[in-house]
Amino acid sequence: MATMLVSVTVDPARADRVLGLLRGEMAPWMRRQPGFVASHWSLDDDRTRCTIVVEFDAEEHARAVAEATLALPTHPARSWNVERVEVAADPDLSR
């Protein structure tokens, strides 16, 4: 297992539009990725940041999606931008 953490900046004045995009496009895209297990999406109270936690069945799947996510170009006029993506491997401490 591996976890991908994504931090997305959000224009708070357009947060409803961003949520619609995340709900209608980004979340379905994420669910179609190889190795997808589960995801959790959180919007900060001030609506300026969305944090996405995605679980994958293997680190190589998480890294491939992380690379695709990081490849999205940043544009200051857009209502959202990917700020940071990290992949963390499961240390398997349950044993």
C-alpha atoms as a PDB file:
ATOM      1  CA  MET A   1       0.000   0.000   0.000  1.00  0.00           C
ATOM      2  CA  ALA A   2       0.991   3.600  -0.560  1.00  0.00           C
ATOM      3  CA  THR A   3      -0.613   6.959   0.134  1.00  0.00           C
ATOM      4  CA  MET A   4      -0.543   9.979  -2.138  1.00  0.00           C
ATOM      5  CA  LEU A   5      -1.092  13.359  -0.474  1.00  0.00           C
ATOM      6  CA  VAL A   6      -2.114  16.266  -2.710  1.00  0.00           C
ATOM      7  CA  SER A   7      -2.432  19.889  -1.655  1.00  0.00           C
ATOM      8  CA  VAL A   8      -4.494  22.080  -3.974  1.00  0.00           C
ATOM      9  CA  THR A   9      -4.795  25.843  -3.578  1.00  0.00           C
ATOM     10  CA  VAL A  10      -8.312  27.154  -4.146  1.00  0.00           C
ATOM     11  CA  ASP A  11      -9.627  30.620  -4.953  1.00  0.00           C
ATOM     12  CA  PRO A  12     -12.188  30.958  -2.125  1.00  0.00           C
ATOM     13  CA  ALA A  13     -14.417  33.168  -4.264  1.00  0.00           C
ATOM     14  CA  ARG A  14     -14.695  30.286  -6.738  1.00  0.00           C
ATOM     15  CA  ALA A  15     -14.626  27.379  -4.280  1.00  0.00           C
ATOM     16  CA  ASP A  16     -18.076  26.109  -5.304  1.00  0.00           C
ATOM     17  CA  ARG A  17     -16.898  25.908  -8.910  1.00  0.00           C
ATOM     18  CA  VAL A  18     -13.751  24.071  -7.810  1.00  0.00           C
ATOM     19  CA  LEU A  19     -15.808  21.594  -5.761  1.00  0.00           C
ATOM     20  CA  GLY A  20     -17.936  20.914  -8.831  1.00  0.00           C
ATOM     21  CA  LEU A  21     -14.798  20.252 -10.871  1.00  0.00           C
ATOM     22  CA  LEU A  22     -13.339  17.988  -8.195  1.00  0.00           C
ATOM     23  CA  ARG A  23     -16.619  16.096  -7.851  1.00  0.00           C
ATOM     24  CA  GLY A  24     -17.363  15.848 -11.568  1.00  0.00           C
ATOM     25  CA  GLU A  25     -13.907  15.335 -13.065  1.00  0.00           C
ATOM     26  CA  MET A  26     -11.012  14.863 -10.667  1.00  0.00           C
ATOM     27  CA  ALA A  27     -12.529  12.307  -8.281  1.00  0.00           C
ATOM     28  CA  PRO A  28     -13.854  10.079 -11.109  1.00  0.00           C
ATOM     29  CA  TRP A  29     -10.454  10.307 -12.865  1.00  0.00           C
ATOM     30  CA  MET A  30      -8.700   9.306  -9.652  1.00  0.00           C
ATOM     31  CA  ARG A  31     -10.996   6.294  -9.147  1.00  0.00           C
ATOM     32  CA  ARG A  32     -10.096   5.026 -12.648  1.00  0.00           C
ATOM     33  CA  GLN A  33      -6.351   4.993 -11.978  1.00  0.00           C
ATOM     34  CA  PRO A  34      -4.547   1.640 -11.685  1.00  0.00           C
ATOM     35  CA  GLY A  35      -4.257   0.485  -8.105  1.00  0.00           C
ATOM     36  CA  PHE A  36      -6.775   2.971  -6.682  1.00  0.00           C
ATOM     37  CA  VAL A  37      -8.146   1.787  -3.322  1.00  0.00           C
ATOM     38  CA  ALA A  38      -9.824   4.792  -1.651  1.00  0.00           C
ATOM     39  CA  SER A  39      -9.680   8.562  -1.317  1.00  0.00           C
ATOM     40  CA  HIS A  40     -10.630  11.298   1.101  1.00  0.00           C
ATOM     41  CA  TRP A  41     -11.094  14.943   0.080  1.00  0.00           C
ATOM     42  CA  SER A  42     -11.079  17.831   2.589  1.00  0.00           C
ATOM     43  CA  LEU A  43     -11.683  21.544   2.037  1.00  0.00           C
ATOM     44  CA  ASP A  44     -10.254  23.905   4.677  1.00  0.00           C
ATOM     45  CA  ASP A  45     -12.718  26.102   6.586  1.00  0.00           C
ATOM     46  CA  ASP A  46     -11.458  29.221   4.811  1.00  0.00           C
ATOM     47  CA  ARG A  47     -11.925  27.437   1.441  1.00  0.00           C
ATOM     48  CA  THR A  48      -8.367  28.229   0.284  1.00  0.00           C
ATOM     49  CA  ARG A  49      -6.962  24.704   0.268  1.00  0.00           C
ATOM     50  CA  CYS A  50      -8.149  21.228  -0.580  1.00  0.00           C
ATOM     51  CA  THR A  51      -6.229  18.257   0.779  1.00  0.00           C
ATOM     52  CA  ILE A  52      -6.616  14.941  -1.007  1.00  0.00           C
ATOM     53  CA  VAL A  53      -5.489  11.642   0.486  1.00  0.00           C
ATOM     54  CA  VAL A  54      -5.475   8.726  -1.952  1.00  0.00           C
ATOM     55  CA  GLU A  55      -4.658   5.128  -1.107  1.00  0.00           C
ATOM     56  CA  PHE A  56      -3.153   2.843  -3.766  1.00  0.00           C
ATOM     57  CA  ASP A  57      -2.420  -0.859  -3.690  1.00  0.00           C
ATOM     58  CA  ALA A  58       1.249  -0.321  -4.585  1.00  0.00           C
ATOM     59  CA  GLU A  59       3.821   2.452  -4.419  1.00  0.00           C
ATOM     60  CA  GLU A  60       4.466   2.350  -8.186  1.00  0.00           C
ATOM     61  CA  HIS A  61       0.785   3.120  -8.849  1.00  0.00           C
ATOM     62  CA  ALA A  62       0.847   6.040  -6.414  1.00  0.00           C
ATOM     63  CA  ARG A  63       4.039   7.417  -7.960  1.00  0.00           C
ATOM     64  CA  ALA A  64       2.635   7.200 -11.498  1.00  0.00           C
ATOM     65  CA  VAL A  65      -0.489   9.158 -10.513  1.00  0.00           C
ATOM     66  CA  ALA A  66       1.642  11.633  -8.548  1.00  0.00           C
ATOM     67  CA  GLU A  67       3.739  12.310 -11.665  1.00  0.00           C
ATOM     68  CA  ALA A  68       0.593  12.836 -13.751  1.00  0.00           C
ATOM     69  CA  THR A  69      -0.822  15.164 -11.106  1.00  0.00           C
ATOM     70  CA  LEU A  70       2.410  17.173 -10.874  1.00  0.00           C
ATOM     71  CA  ALA A  71       2.458  17.510 -14.671  1.00  0.00           C
ATOM     72  CA  LEU A  72      -0.603  19.772 -14.505  1.00  0.00           C
ATOM     73  CA  PRO A  73       0.650  23.276 -15.303  1.00  0.00           C
ATOM     74  CA  THR A  74       0.101  26.019 -12.734  1.00  0.00           C
ATOM     75  CA  HIS A  75      -1.855  29.018 -13.939  1.00  0.00           C
ATOM     76  CA  PRO A  76      -2.431  32.004 -11.618  1.00  0.00           C
ATOM     77  CA  ALA A  77      -5.810  32.877 -13.167  1.00  0.00           C
ATOM     78  CA  ARG A  78      -7.220  29.373 -12.604  1.00  0.00           C
ATOM     79  CA  SER A  79      -9.557  28.769  -9.653  1.00  0.00           C
ATOM     80  CA  TRP A  80      -7.314  25.964  -8.359  1.00  0.00           C
ATOM     81  CA  ASN A  81      -3.706  24.796  -8.667  1.00  0.00           C
ATOM     82  CA  VAL A  82      -1.816  21.754  -7.463  1.00  0.00           C
ATOM     83  CA  GLU A  83       0.632  23.020  -4.876  1.00  0.00           C
ATOM     84  CA  ARG A  84       2.263  19.844  -3.636  1.00  0.00           C
ATOM     85  CA  VAL A  85       2.154  16.079  -4.157  1.00  0.00           C
ATOM     86  CA  GLU A  86       3.826  13.517  -1.916  1.00  0.00           C
ATOM     87  CA  VAL A  87       3.877   9.735  -1.912  1.00  0.00           C
ATOM     88  CA  ALA A  88       4.406   7.781   1.290  1.00  0.00           C
ATOM     89  CA  ALA A  89       4.915   4.031   1.329  1.00  0.00           C
ATOM     90  CA  ASP A  90       3.166   1.955   3.967  1.00  0.00           C
ATOM     91  CA  PRO A  91       5.786   0.816   6.500  1.00  0.00           C
ATOM     92  CA  ASP A  92       3.548  -2.172   7.351  1.00  0.00           C
ATOM     93  CA  LEU A  93       3.606  -1.690  11.118  1.00  0.00           C
ATOM     94  CA  SER A  94       0.575  -3.914  11.624  1.00  0.00           C
ATOM     95  CA  ARG A  95       2.709  -7.038  11.965  1.00  0.00           C
END
